[in-house]
Amino acid sequence: MYQHLDIQGQPLPYGVGKVVCVGRSYRDHATELNNPIPSEPLLFIKPASSLVNLSAPLVLPKGLGAIHHEVEVALLIGRRLCHADEAEALAGIVGVGVALDLTLRDVQDKLKAQGHPWERAKAFDGSCPISPFVVPDCVNRLSELEFSLAVNGQLRQVGNTRDLMWPVGLLLTEMSRCFTLNPGDIVLTGTPKGVGELLAKDSLELQLDGQYRFNAVVAG
């Protein structure tokens, strides 16, 4: 479970908090789902109970329609950020990882059509499988960080943070103006195009920065 998250093999020095997510931060993903392009970051939150370690079998909800993968760069916050400027925000990042924003797509489509919040589709238990965090070179290159997801050996998603509509520092600044980010909070920066359905026994490989590889499997 989420208590076992670590930074390069060392336990986190603080508890895990909320997960702050950004919707439609990659233009090509918004386009593939026929969503309008937002004029400002579209923010939503997953609770700590959404976090599971990628190394454990991923247990998907049953009977709720298609469950889509959305691979994203994850940032671990290590200091309090409230109305932070970009330099302060970037200095608050103490680890970089890769995560899946699992989405009940049929549920989300219904909620969107009704003008309702997305939490039922995005914030369920286990909806945020996440890798260990690495202490970075990556942090120093967040403006051009490549990541990907392959399912059963087939590449499905490839992204690079240079294609974000809002750079990482600006995203964190905007978040910190809406609600304080505390040590142990995690930020997901958004997903590129190529989202698709996950099925029982699927085998996943997530890559970060061309050198870190994390494997996962969907429970049968």
C-alpha atoms as a PDB file:
ATOM      1  CA  MET A   1       0.000   0.000   0.000  1.00  0.00           C
ATOM      2  CA  TYR A   2       0.933   3.655  -0.114  1.00  0.00           C
ATOM      3  CA  GLN A   3       2.839   3.487   3.194  1.00  0.00           C
ATOM      4  CA  HIS A   4       5.574   1.601   1.341  1.00  0.00           C
ATOM      5  CA  LEU A   5       6.399   4.404  -1.085  1.00  0.00           C
ATOM      6  CA  ASP A   6      10.029   5.428  -0.906  1.00  0.00           C
ATOM      7  CA  ILE A   7      12.724   7.651  -2.358  1.00  0.00           C
ATOM      8  CA  GLN A   8      15.356   5.440  -3.990  1.00  0.00           C
ATOM      9  CA  GLY A   9      14.889   2.679  -1.430  1.00  0.00           C
ATOM     10  CA  GLN A  10      14.628   4.915   1.634  1.00  0.00           C
ATOM     11  CA  PRO A  11      11.287   5.332   3.453  1.00  0.00           C
ATOM     12  CA  LEU A  12       9.621   8.711   3.080  1.00  0.00           C
ATOM     13  CA  PRO A  13      10.527  11.011   6.002  1.00  0.00           C
ATOM     14  CA  TYR A  14       6.856  12.062   6.308  1.00  0.00           C
ATOM     15  CA  GLY A  15       3.436  10.597   5.739  1.00  0.00           C
ATOM     16  CA  VAL A  16       1.732  10.612   2.377  1.00  0.00           C
ATOM     17  CA  GLY A  17      -0.917  13.278   1.876  1.00  0.00           C
ATOM     18  CA  LYS A  18      -3.221  14.140  -1.004  1.00  0.00           C
ATOM     19  CA  VAL A  19      -2.599  13.600  -4.712  1.00  0.00           C
ATOM     20  CA  VAL A  20      -3.186  16.721  -6.799  1.00  0.00           C
ATOM     21  CA  CYS A  21      -3.884  16.047 -10.475  1.00  0.00           C
ATOM     22  CA  VAL A  22      -4.126  18.104 -13.647  1.00  0.00           C
ATOM     23  CA  GLY A  23      -6.652  17.289 -16.357  1.00  0.00           C
ATOM     24  CA  ARG A  24      -6.010  17.989 -20.032  1.00  0.00           C
ATOM     25  CA  SER A  25      -2.522  19.406 -19.571  1.00  0.00           C
ATOM     26  CA  TYR A  26      -1.390  17.762 -22.821  1.00  0.00           C
ATOM     27  CA  ARG A  27      -3.264  19.162 -25.810  1.00  0.00           C
ATOM     28  CA  ASP A  28      -3.153  15.894 -27.782  1.00  0.00           C
ATOM     29  CA  HIS A  29      -4.896  13.997 -24.966  1.00  0.00           C
ATOM     30  CA  ALA A  30      -7.689  16.553 -24.726  1.00  0.00           C
ATOM     31  CA  THR A  31      -8.140  16.290 -28.480  1.00  0.00           C
ATOM     32  CA  GLU A  32      -8.277  12.467 -28.535  1.00  0.00           C
ATOM     33  CA  LEU A  33     -11.211  12.505 -26.097  1.00  0.00           C
ATOM     34  CA  ASN A  34     -12.928  15.417 -27.879  1.00  0.00           C
ATOM     35  CA  ASN A  35     -12.590  17.608 -24.799  1.00  0.00           C
ATOM     36  CA  PRO A  36     -12.284  21.404 -24.974  1.00  0.00           C
ATOM     37  CA  ILE A  37      -8.832  22.876 -24.315  1.00  0.00           C
ATOM     38  CA  PRO A  38      -8.890  24.560 -20.882  1.00  0.00           C
ATOM     39  CA  SER A  39      -7.687  28.137 -20.512  1.00  0.00           C
ATOM     40  CA  GLU A  40      -6.157  27.379 -17.096  1.00  0.00           C
ATOM     41  CA  PRO A  41      -5.035  24.175 -15.325  1.00  0.00           C
ATOM     42  CA  LEU A  42      -7.964  21.870 -14.573  1.00  0.00           C
ATOM     43  CA  LEU A  43      -7.279  20.578 -11.057  1.00  0.00           C
ATOM     44  CA  PHE A  44      -8.731  17.706  -9.070  1.00  0.00           C
ATOM     45  CA  ILE A  45      -7.628  15.658  -6.044  1.00  0.00           C
ATOM     46  CA  LYS A  46      -7.250  11.981  -5.220  1.00  0.00           C
ATOM     47  CA  PRO A  47      -7.073  10.961  -1.547  1.00  0.00           C
ATOM     48  CA  ALA A  48      -4.164   9.047  -0.034  1.00  0.00           C
ATOM     49  CA  SER A  49      -6.323   5.901  -0.191  1.00  0.00           C
ATOM     50  CA  SER A  50      -6.007   6.012  -3.994  1.00  0.00           C
ATOM     51  CA  LEU A  51      -2.277   5.241  -3.786  1.00  0.00           C
ATOM     52  CA  VAL A  52      -0.910   1.736  -4.303  1.00  0.00           C
ATOM     53  CA  ASN A  53       2.572   0.580  -5.145  1.00  0.00           C
ATOM     54  CA  LEU A  54       3.113  -0.473  -8.758  1.00  0.00           C
ATOM     55  CA  SER A  55       4.876  -3.601  -7.538  1.00  0.00           C
ATOM     56  CA  ALA A  56       1.625  -5.017  -6.151  1.00  0.00           C
ATOM     57  CA  PRO A  57      -0.956  -6.587  -8.525  1.00  0.00           C
ATOM     58  CA  LEU A  58      -3.336  -3.850  -9.664  1.00  0.00           C
ATOM     59  CA  VAL A  59      -6.875  -4.640  -8.564  1.00  0.00           C
ATOM     60  CA  LEU A  60      -9.444  -3.056 -10.868  1.00  0.00           C
ATOM     61  CA  PRO A  61     -13.047  -2.324  -9.877  1.00  0.00           C
ATOM     62  CA  LYS A  62     -15.556  -4.707 -11.437  1.00  0.00           C
ATOM     63  CA  GLY A  63     -18.895  -3.976 -13.021  1.00  0.00           C
ATOM     64  CA  LEU A  64     -18.248  -0.265 -13.593  1.00  0.00           C
ATOM     65  CA  GLY A  65     -17.309  -0.272 -17.282  1.00  0.00           C
ATOM     66  CA  ALA A  66     -14.011   0.431 -18.997  1.00  0.00           C
ATOM     67  CA  ILE A  67     -10.990   1.325 -16.855  1.00  0.00           C
ATOM     68  CA  HIS A  68      -8.418   3.397 -18.727  1.00  0.00           C
ATOM     69  CA  HIS A  69      -4.712   3.875 -18.053  1.00  0.00           C
ATOM     70  CA  GLU A  70      -3.258   7.397 -18.021  1.00  0.00           C
ATOM     71  CA  VAL A  71       0.506   7.429 -17.461  1.00  0.00           C
ATOM     72  CA  GLU A  72       1.882  10.561 -15.800  1.00  0.00           C
ATOM     73  CA  VAL A  73       5.027  12.043 -14.267  1.00  0.00           C
ATOM     74  CA  ALA A  74       4.587  12.185 -10.478  1.00  0.00           C
ATOM     75  CA  LEU A  75       6.275  14.766  -8.236  1.00  0.00           C
ATOM     76  CA  LEU A  76       6.847  14.334  -4.504  1.00  0.00           C
ATOM     77  CA  ILE A  77       6.599  17.576  -2.529  1.00  0.00           C
ATOM     78  CA  GLY A  78       9.046  17.984   0.349  1.00  0.00           C
ATOM     79  CA  ARG A  79       8.264  21.428   1.724  1.00  0.00           C
ATOM     80  CA  ARG A  80       5.185  23.540   2.394  1.00  0.00           C
ATOM     81  CA  LEU A  81       4.122  25.519  -0.678  1.00  0.00           C
ATOM     82  CA  CYS A  82       1.507  28.247  -0.242  1.00  0.00           C
ATOM     83  CA  HIS A  83       1.246  31.040  -2.815  1.00  0.00           C
ATOM     84  CA  ALA A  84       4.713  29.990  -3.964  1.00  0.00           C
ATOM     85  CA  ASP A  85       6.541  31.521  -6.907  1.00  0.00           C
ATOM     86  CA  GLU A  86       8.013  29.238  -9.573  1.00  0.00           C
ATOM     87  CA  ALA A  87      11.492  29.096  -8.033  1.00  0.00           C
ATOM     88  CA  GLU A  88      10.068  28.175  -4.611  1.00  0.00           C
ATOM     89  CA  ALA A  89       7.756  25.607  -6.182  1.00  0.00           C
ATOM     90  CA  LEU A  90      10.510  23.853  -8.116  1.00  0.00           C
ATOM     91  CA  ALA A  91      12.743  23.847  -5.040  1.00  0.00           C
ATOM     92  CA  GLY A  92       9.967  22.028  -3.177  1.00  0.00           C
ATOM     93  CA  ILE A  93      10.234  18.911  -5.363  1.00  0.00           C
ATOM     94  CA  VAL A  94      12.233  16.168  -3.653  1.00  0.00           C
ATOM     95  CA  GLY A  95      11.454  13.185  -5.878  1.00  0.00           C
ATOM     96  CA  VAL A  96      10.197  12.241  -9.323  1.00  0.00           C
ATOM     97  CA  GLY A  97       8.329   9.078 -10.264  1.00  0.00           C
ATOM     98  CA  VAL A  98       5.770   7.766 -12.686  1.00  0.00           C
ATOM     99  CA  ALA A  99       2.156   6.925 -11.921  1.00  0.00           C
ATOM    100  CA  LEU A 100      -1.096   5.754 -13.448  1.00  0.00           C
ATOM    101  CA  ASP A 101      -4.202   7.879 -13.118  1.00  0.00           C
ATOM    102  CA  LEU A 102      -6.691   5.023 -13.473  1.00  0.00           C
ATOM    103  CA  THR A 103     -10.020   6.280 -14.757  1.00  0.00           C
ATOM    104  CA  LEU A 104     -13.469   4.696 -14.864  1.00  0.00           C
ATOM    105  CA  ARG A 105     -14.106   6.104 -18.322  1.00  0.00           C
ATOM    106  CA  ASP A 106     -17.768   5.157 -18.680  1.00  0.00           C
ATOM    107  CA  VAL A 107     -18.486   6.561 -15.229  1.00  0.00           C
ATOM    108  CA  GLN A 108     -16.552   9.738 -16.012  1.00  0.00           C
ATOM    109  CA  ASP A 109     -18.387  10.268 -19.304  1.00  0.00           C
ATOM    110  CA  LYS A 110     -21.721  10.000 -17.489  1.00  0.00           C
ATOM    111  CA  LEU A 111     -20.617  12.416 -14.761  1.00  0.00           C
ATOM    112  CA  LYS A 112     -19.323  14.928 -17.303  1.00  0.00           C
ATOM    113  CA  ALA A 113     -22.579  14.775 -19.258  1.00  0.00           C
ATOM    114  CA  GLN A 114     -24.462  15.601 -16.041  1.00  0.00           C
ATOM    115  CA  GLY A 115     -22.074  18.378 -15.043  1.00  0.00           C
ATOM    116  CA  HIS A 116     -21.039  16.469 -11.904  1.00  0.00           C
ATOM    117  CA  PRO A 117     -17.587  16.184 -10.264  1.00  0.00           C
ATOM    118  CA  TRP A 118     -15.279  13.341 -11.351  1.00  0.00           C
ATOM    119  CA  GLU A 119     -14.340  11.813  -7.997  1.00  0.00           C
ATOM    120  CA  ARG A 120     -16.315   8.600  -8.505  1.00  0.00           C
ATOM    121  CA  ALA A 121     -14.343   7.999 -11.706  1.00  0.00           C
ATOM    122  CA  LYS A 122     -10.928   9.220 -10.565  1.00  0.00           C
ATOM    123  CA  ALA A 123     -10.530   8.974  -6.788  1.00  0.00           C
ATOM    124  CA  PHE A 124     -11.547   5.404  -5.947  1.00  0.00           C
ATOM    125  CA  ASP A 125      -9.337   3.176  -3.779  1.00  0.00           C
ATOM    126  CA  GLY A 126      -6.312   1.980  -5.764  1.00  0.00           C
ATOM    127  CA  SER A 127      -6.809   4.485  -8.585  1.00  0.00           C
ATOM    128  CA  CYS A 128      -3.237   5.801  -8.382  1.00  0.00           C
ATOM    129  CA  PRO A 129      -0.589   3.057  -8.782  1.00  0.00           C
ATOM    130  CA  ILE A 130       2.783   4.754  -8.365  1.00  0.00           C
ATOM    131  CA  SER A 131       6.476   3.929  -8.629  1.00  0.00           C
ATOM    132  CA  PRO A 132       9.192   4.621  -6.081  1.00  0.00           C
ATOM    133  CA  PHE A 133      10.570   8.148  -6.392  1.00  0.00           C
ATOM    134  CA  VAL A 134      14.041   8.923  -7.697  1.00  0.00           C
ATOM    135  CA  VAL A 135      16.196  11.789  -6.556  1.00  0.00           C
ATOM    136  CA  PRO A 136      16.952  13.542  -9.513  1.00  0.00           C
ATOM    137  CA  ASP A 137      18.922  14.552 -12.136  1.00  0.00           C
ATOM    138  CA  CYS A 138      15.255  14.323 -13.177  1.00  0.00           C
ATOM    139  CA  VAL A 139      14.292  17.308 -11.017  1.00  0.00           C
ATOM    140  CA  ASN A 140      16.836  19.433 -12.834  1.00  0.00           C
ATOM    141  CA  ARG A 141      15.365  18.472 -16.204  1.00  0.00           C
ATOM    142  CA  LEU A 142      11.648  18.633 -15.574  1.00  0.00           C
ATOM    143  CA  SER A 143      11.198  20.834 -18.621  1.00  0.00           C
ATOM    144  CA  GLU A 144      12.160  17.932 -20.912  1.00  0.00           C
ATOM    145  CA  LEU A 145      11.473  14.606 -19.257  1.00  0.00           C
ATOM    146  CA  GLU A 146      10.337  11.619 -21.320  1.00  0.00           C
ATOM    147  CA  PHE A 147       8.032   8.900 -19.992  1.00  0.00           C
ATOM    148  CA  SER A 148       6.052   6.028 -21.489  1.00  0.00           C
ATOM    149  CA  LEU A 149       3.742   3.075 -20.939  1.00  0.00           C
ATOM    150  CA  ALA A 150       3.748  -0.274 -22.730  1.00  0.00           C
ATOM    151  CA  VAL A 151       0.965  -2.838 -22.237  1.00  0.00           C
ATOM    152  CA  ASN A 152       1.717  -6.478 -23.073  1.00  0.00           C
ATOM    153  CA  GLY A 153       4.850  -5.357 -24.896  1.00  0.00           C
ATOM    154  CA  GLN A 154       3.017  -2.832 -27.086  1.00  0.00           C
ATOM    155  CA  LEU A 155       3.872   0.843 -26.641  1.00  0.00           C
ATOM    156  CA  ARG A 156       0.687   2.793 -25.923  1.00  0.00           C
ATOM    157  CA  GLN A 157       1.688   6.153 -24.487  1.00  0.00           C
ATOM    158  CA  VAL A 158       4.807   8.282 -24.947  1.00  0.00           C
ATOM    159  CA  GLY A 159       5.049  11.745 -23.442  1.00  0.00           C
ATOM    160  CA  ASN A 160       7.541  14.493 -22.761  1.00  0.00           C
ATOM    161  CA  THR A 161       7.090  17.300 -20.245  1.00  0.00           C
ATOM    162  CA  ARG A 162       8.200  19.819 -22.859  1.00  0.00           C
ATOM    163  CA  ASP A 163       4.732  19.365 -24.378  1.00  0.00           C
ATOM    164  CA  LEU A 164       2.868  20.419 -21.228  1.00  0.00           C
ATOM    165  CA  MET A 165       0.602  23.394 -21.854  1.00  0.00           C
ATOM    166  CA  TRP A 166       1.775  24.778 -18.492  1.00  0.00           C
ATOM    167  CA  PRO A 167       5.367  24.160 -17.344  1.00  0.00           C
ATOM    168  CA  VAL A 168       5.853  22.273 -14.085  1.00  0.00           C
ATOM    169  CA  GLY A 169       6.820  25.369 -12.091  1.00  0.00           C
ATOM    170  CA  LEU A 170       3.724  27.217 -13.259  1.00  0.00           C
ATOM    171  CA  LEU A 171       1.493  24.224 -12.478  1.00  0.00           C
ATOM    172  CA  LEU A 172       2.790  24.059  -8.910  1.00  0.00           C
ATOM    173  CA  THR A 173       2.439  27.817  -8.488  1.00  0.00           C
ATOM    174  CA  GLU A 174      -1.178  27.669  -9.609  1.00  0.00           C
ATOM    175  CA  MET A 175      -1.907  24.746  -7.276  1.00  0.00           C
ATOM    176  CA  SER A 176      -0.321  26.497  -4.309  1.00  0.00           C
ATOM    177  CA  ARG A 177      -2.584  29.489  -4.861  1.00  0.00           C
ATOM    178  CA  CYS A 178      -5.664  27.254  -4.619  1.00  0.00           C
ATOM    179  CA  PHE A 179      -4.604  25.059  -1.687  1.00  0.00           C
ATOM    180  CA  THR A 180      -1.434  24.542   0.302  1.00  0.00           C
ATOM    181  CA  LEU A 181       0.861  21.722  -0.793  1.00  0.00           C
ATOM    182  CA  ASN A 182       2.448  19.990   2.198  1.00  0.00           C
ATOM    183  CA  PRO A 183       5.398  17.591   2.563  1.00  0.00           C
ATOM    184  CA  GLY A 184       4.207  14.183   1.412  1.00  0.00           C
ATOM    185  CA  ASP A 185       1.734  15.534  -1.119  1.00  0.00           C
ATOM    186  CA  ILE A 186       2.099  14.154  -4.635  1.00  0.00           C
ATOM    187  CA  VAL A 187       1.416  15.993  -7.892  1.00  0.00           C
ATOM    188  CA  LEU A 188       0.464  14.213 -11.118  1.00  0.00           C
ATOM    189  CA  THR A 189       1.246  16.420 -14.096  1.00  0.00           C
ATOM    190  CA  GLY A 190      -1.132  15.003 -16.736  1.00  0.00           C
ATOM    191  CA  THR A 191      -1.191  12.367 -19.444  1.00  0.00           C
ATOM    192  CA  PRO A 192      -0.379  12.399 -23.175  1.00  0.00           C
ATOM    193  CA  LYS A 193      -2.487  10.782 -25.895  1.00  0.00           C
ATOM    194  CA  GLY A 194      -2.865   7.026 -26.204  1.00  0.00           C
ATOM    195  CA  VAL A 195      -5.037   6.267 -23.173  1.00  0.00           C
ATOM    196  CA  GLY A 196      -6.807   2.935 -23.377  1.00  0.00           C
ATOM    197  CA  GLU A 197      -8.511   0.131 -21.507  1.00  0.00           C
ATOM    198  CA  LEU A 198      -6.755  -2.169 -19.058  1.00  0.00           C
ATOM    199  CA  LEU A 199      -7.822  -5.792 -18.734  1.00  0.00           C
ATOM    200  CA  ALA A 200      -7.200  -8.597 -16.253  1.00  0.00           C
ATOM    201  CA  LYS A 201      -3.669 -10.044 -16.434  1.00  0.00           C
ATOM    202  CA  ASP A 202      -2.296  -7.215 -18.571  1.00  0.00           C
ATOM    203  CA  SER A 203       1.455  -6.731 -18.145  1.00  0.00           C
ATOM    204  CA  LEU A 204       2.700  -3.139 -17.931  1.00  0.00           C
ATOM    205  CA  GLU A 205       6.076  -1.456 -18.240  1.00  0.00           C
ATOM    206  CA  LEU A 206       6.414   2.207 -17.298  1.00  0.00           C
ATOM    207  CA  GLN A 207       9.570   4.105 -18.181  1.00  0.00           C
ATOM    208  CA  LEU A 208      10.916   7.414 -16.916  1.00  0.00           C
ATOM    209  CA  ASP A 209      13.748   9.459 -18.365  1.00  0.00           C
ATOM    210  CA  GLY A 210      14.953   6.577 -20.537  1.00  0.00           C
ATOM    211  CA  GLN A 211      16.690   4.882 -17.602  1.00  0.00           C
ATOM    212  CA  TYR A 212      14.134   3.964 -14.940  1.00  0.00           C
ATOM    213  CA  ARG A 213      11.787   1.032 -15.639  1.00  0.00           C
ATOM    214  CA  PHE A 214       8.912  -0.112 -13.468  1.00  0.00           C
ATOM    215  CA  ASN A 215       6.813  -3.205 -14.089  1.00  0.00           C
ATOM    216  CA  ALA A 216       3.239  -3.901 -13.023  1.00  0.00           C
ATOM    217  CA  VAL A 217       0.571  -6.505 -13.662  1.00  0.00           C
ATOM    218  CA  VAL A 218      -3.204  -6.306 -13.502  1.00  0.00           C
ATOM    219  CA  ALA A 219      -4.711  -8.901 -11.187  1.00  0.00           C
ATOM    220  CA  GLY A 220      -6.699 -11.684 -12.848  1.00  0.00           C
END
